[in-house]
Amino acid sequence: MMLLSFHIVAIGVLAGVIGNIAYQMGKKEGIRLAVHEFESQQSSSEESPPVT
């Protein structure tokens, strides 16, 4: 019974670690995409003058 409990805890810890790694990678990817979109908007607004 103790071995079963140990396996349940180990699987939970493993799932938590993998989930945390995936979350951090996704967060970094999201930040990278946001910066890329911001830079592309800045460069497109600099290239074309505003219409008045």
N, C-alpha and C. Protein backbone atom coordinates (compact mmCIF):
# COMPACT_ATOMS: atom_id res chain seq x y z
N MET A 1 0.82 -1.20 0.00
CA MET A 1 0.00 0.00 0.00
C MET A 1 0.87 1.27 0.00
N MET A 2 1.96 1.21 0.73
CA MET A 2 2.86 2.37 0.78
C MET A 2 3.52 2.59 -0.58
N LEU A 3 3.82 1.50 -1.27
CA LEU A 3 4.41 1.61 -2.60
C LEU A 3 3.45 2.28 -3.57
N LEU A 4 2.17 1.92 -3.47
CA LEU A 4 1.15 2.54 -4.32
C LEU A 4 1.06 4.04 -4.04
N SER A 5 1.07 4.41 -2.78
CA SER A 5 1.03 5.83 -2.40
C SER A 5 2.25 6.57 -2.95
N PHE A 6 3.41 5.93 -2.85
CA PHE A 6 4.63 6.55 -3.36
C PHE A 6 4.52 6.78 -4.87
N HIS A 7 3.99 5.82 -5.60
CA HIS A 7 3.84 5.98 -7.04
C HIS A 7 2.85 7.09 -7.39
N ILE A 8 1.77 7.17 -6.65
CA ILE A 8 0.79 8.23 -6.90
C ILE A 8 1.42 9.60 -6.68
N VAL A 9 2.17 9.75 -5.60
CA VAL A 9 2.84 11.02 -5.32
C VAL A 9 3.89 11.32 -6.39
N ALA A 10 4.66 10.31 -6.79
CA ALA A 10 5.71 10.51 -7.80
C ALA A 10 5.10 10.93 -9.14
N ILE A 11 4.00 10.31 -9.52
CA ILE A 11 3.34 10.68 -10.78
C ILE A 11 2.80 12.10 -10.69
N GLY A 12 2.26 12.49 -9.56
CA GLY A 12 1.77 13.85 -9.37
C GLY A 12 2.88 14.88 -9.46
N VAL A 13 4.01 14.57 -8.84
CA VAL A 13 5.16 15.49 -8.90
C VAL A 13 5.67 15.60 -10.34
N LEU A 14 5.77 14.48 -11.02
CA LEU A 14 6.23 14.48 -12.41
C LEU A 14 5.30 15.29 -13.30
N ALA A 15 4.00 15.11 -13.13
CA ALA A 15 3.03 15.88 -13.92
C ALA A 15 3.14 17.37 -13.61
N GLY A 16 3.36 17.71 -12.34
CA GLY A 16 3.51 19.11 -11.97
C GLY A 16 4.75 19.74 -12.57
N VAL A 17 5.86 19.03 -12.55
CA VAL A 17 7.11 19.56 -13.12
C VAL A 17 6.97 19.73 -14.62
N ILE A 18 6.42 18.74 -15.30
CA ILE A 18 6.25 18.84 -16.75
C ILE A 18 5.28 19.97 -17.10
N GLY A 19 4.21 20.10 -16.33
CA GLY A 19 3.26 21.19 -16.56
C GLY A 19 3.89 22.56 -16.37
N ASN A 20 4.73 22.68 -15.35
CA ASN A 20 5.40 23.95 -15.09
C ASN A 20 6.37 24.30 -16.22
N ILE A 21 7.11 23.32 -16.70
CA ILE A 21 8.04 23.55 -17.80
C ILE A 21 7.28 23.98 -19.05
N ALA A 22 6.18 23.29 -19.34
CA ALA A 22 5.39 23.63 -20.52
C ALA A 22 4.80 25.03 -20.39
N TYR A 23 4.35 25.38 -19.20
CA TYR A 23 3.78 26.72 -18.97
C TYR A 23 4.84 27.80 -19.19
N GLN A 24 6.03 27.58 -18.64
CA GLN A 24 7.10 28.56 -18.80
C GLN A 24 7.51 28.71 -20.25
N MET A 25 7.57 27.61 -20.99
CA MET A 25 7.92 27.69 -22.41
C MET A 25 6.84 28.44 -23.18
N GLY A 26 5.60 28.17 -22.86
CA GLY A 26 4.50 28.86 -23.53
C GLY A 26 4.47 30.34 -23.20
N LYS A 27 4.80 30.67 -21.96
CA LYS A 27 4.83 32.07 -21.56
C LYS A 27 5.93 32.81 -22.30
N LYS A 28 7.10 32.19 -22.42
CA LYS A 28 8.20 32.83 -23.14
C LYS A 28 7.84 33.00 -24.62
N GLU A 29 7.18 31.99 -25.20
CA GLU A 29 6.77 32.08 -26.60
C GLU A 29 5.76 33.21 -26.79
N GLY A 30 4.84 33.35 -25.84
CA GLY A 30 3.85 34.41 -25.93
C GLY A 30 4.48 35.79 -25.83
N ILE A 31 5.45 35.93 -24.94
CA ILE A 31 6.15 37.22 -24.81
C ILE A 31 6.91 37.52 -26.10
N ARG A 32 7.55 36.50 -26.67
CA ARG A 32 8.30 36.70 -27.90
C ARG A 32 7.38 37.13 -29.03
N LEU A 33 6.22 36.51 -29.13
CA LEU A 33 5.27 36.88 -30.18
C LEU A 33 4.74 38.29 -29.97
N ALA A 34 4.47 38.65 -28.72
CA ALA A 34 3.96 39.99 -28.44
C ALA A 34 5.00 41.05 -28.80
N VAL A 35 6.26 40.81 -28.48
CA VAL A 35 7.32 41.76 -28.83
C VAL A 35 7.45 41.86 -30.35
N HIS A 36 7.37 40.73 -31.03
CA HIS A 36 7.48 40.73 -32.49
C HIS A 36 6.34 41.53 -33.11
N GLU A 37 5.12 41.34 -32.64
CA GLU A 37 3.98 42.08 -33.17
C GLU A 37 4.11 43.57 -32.89
N PHE A 38 4.58 43.92 -31.69
CA PHE A 38 4.77 45.32 -31.34
C PHE A 38 5.80 45.97 -32.24
N GLU A 39 6.92 45.27 -32.48
CA GLU A 39 7.96 45.82 -33.34
C GLU A 39 7.46 45.96 -34.78
N SER A 40 6.68 45.01 -35.25
CA SER A 40 6.17 45.10 -36.62
C SER A 40 5.18 46.25 -36.75
N GLN A 41 4.39 46.51 -35.71
CA GLN A 41 3.47 47.64 -35.74
C GLN A 41 4.25 48.96 -35.71
N GLN A 42 5.30 49.01 -34.94
CA GLN A 42 6.12 50.22 -34.87
C GLN A 42 6.78 50.49 -36.22
N SER A 43 7.32 49.46 -36.84
CA SER A 43 8.01 49.67 -38.11
C SER A 43 7.02 50.03 -39.22
N SER A 44 5.82 49.46 -39.19
CA SER A 44 4.84 49.80 -40.22
C SER A 44 4.31 51.21 -40.03
N SER A 45 4.22 51.70 -38.79
CA SER A 45 3.75 53.06 -38.57
C SER A 45 4.83 54.07 -38.92
N GLU A 46 6.09 53.69 -38.83
CA GLU A 46 7.18 54.59 -39.20
C GLU A 46 7.31 54.69 -40.71
N GLU A 47 7.00 53.61 -41.43
CA GLU A 47 7.17 53.60 -42.88
C GLU A 47 6.12 54.46 -43.58
N SER A 48 4.89 54.40 -43.13
CA SER A 48 3.84 55.14 -43.80
C SER A 48 3.44 56.35 -42.96
N PRO A 49 3.48 57.54 -43.55
CA PRO A 49 3.09 58.74 -42.79
C PRO A 49 1.58 58.74 -42.57
N PRO A 50 1.13 59.37 -41.50
CA PRO A 50 -0.30 59.40 -41.22
C PRO A 50 -1.06 60.20 -42.27
N VAL A 51 -2.24 59.76 -42.58
CA VAL A 51 -3.06 60.42 -43.59
C VAL A 51 -3.87 61.50 -42.91
N THR A 52 -3.74 62.77 -43.40
CA THR A 52 -4.48 63.88 -42.80
C THR A 52 -5.39 64.53 -43.79
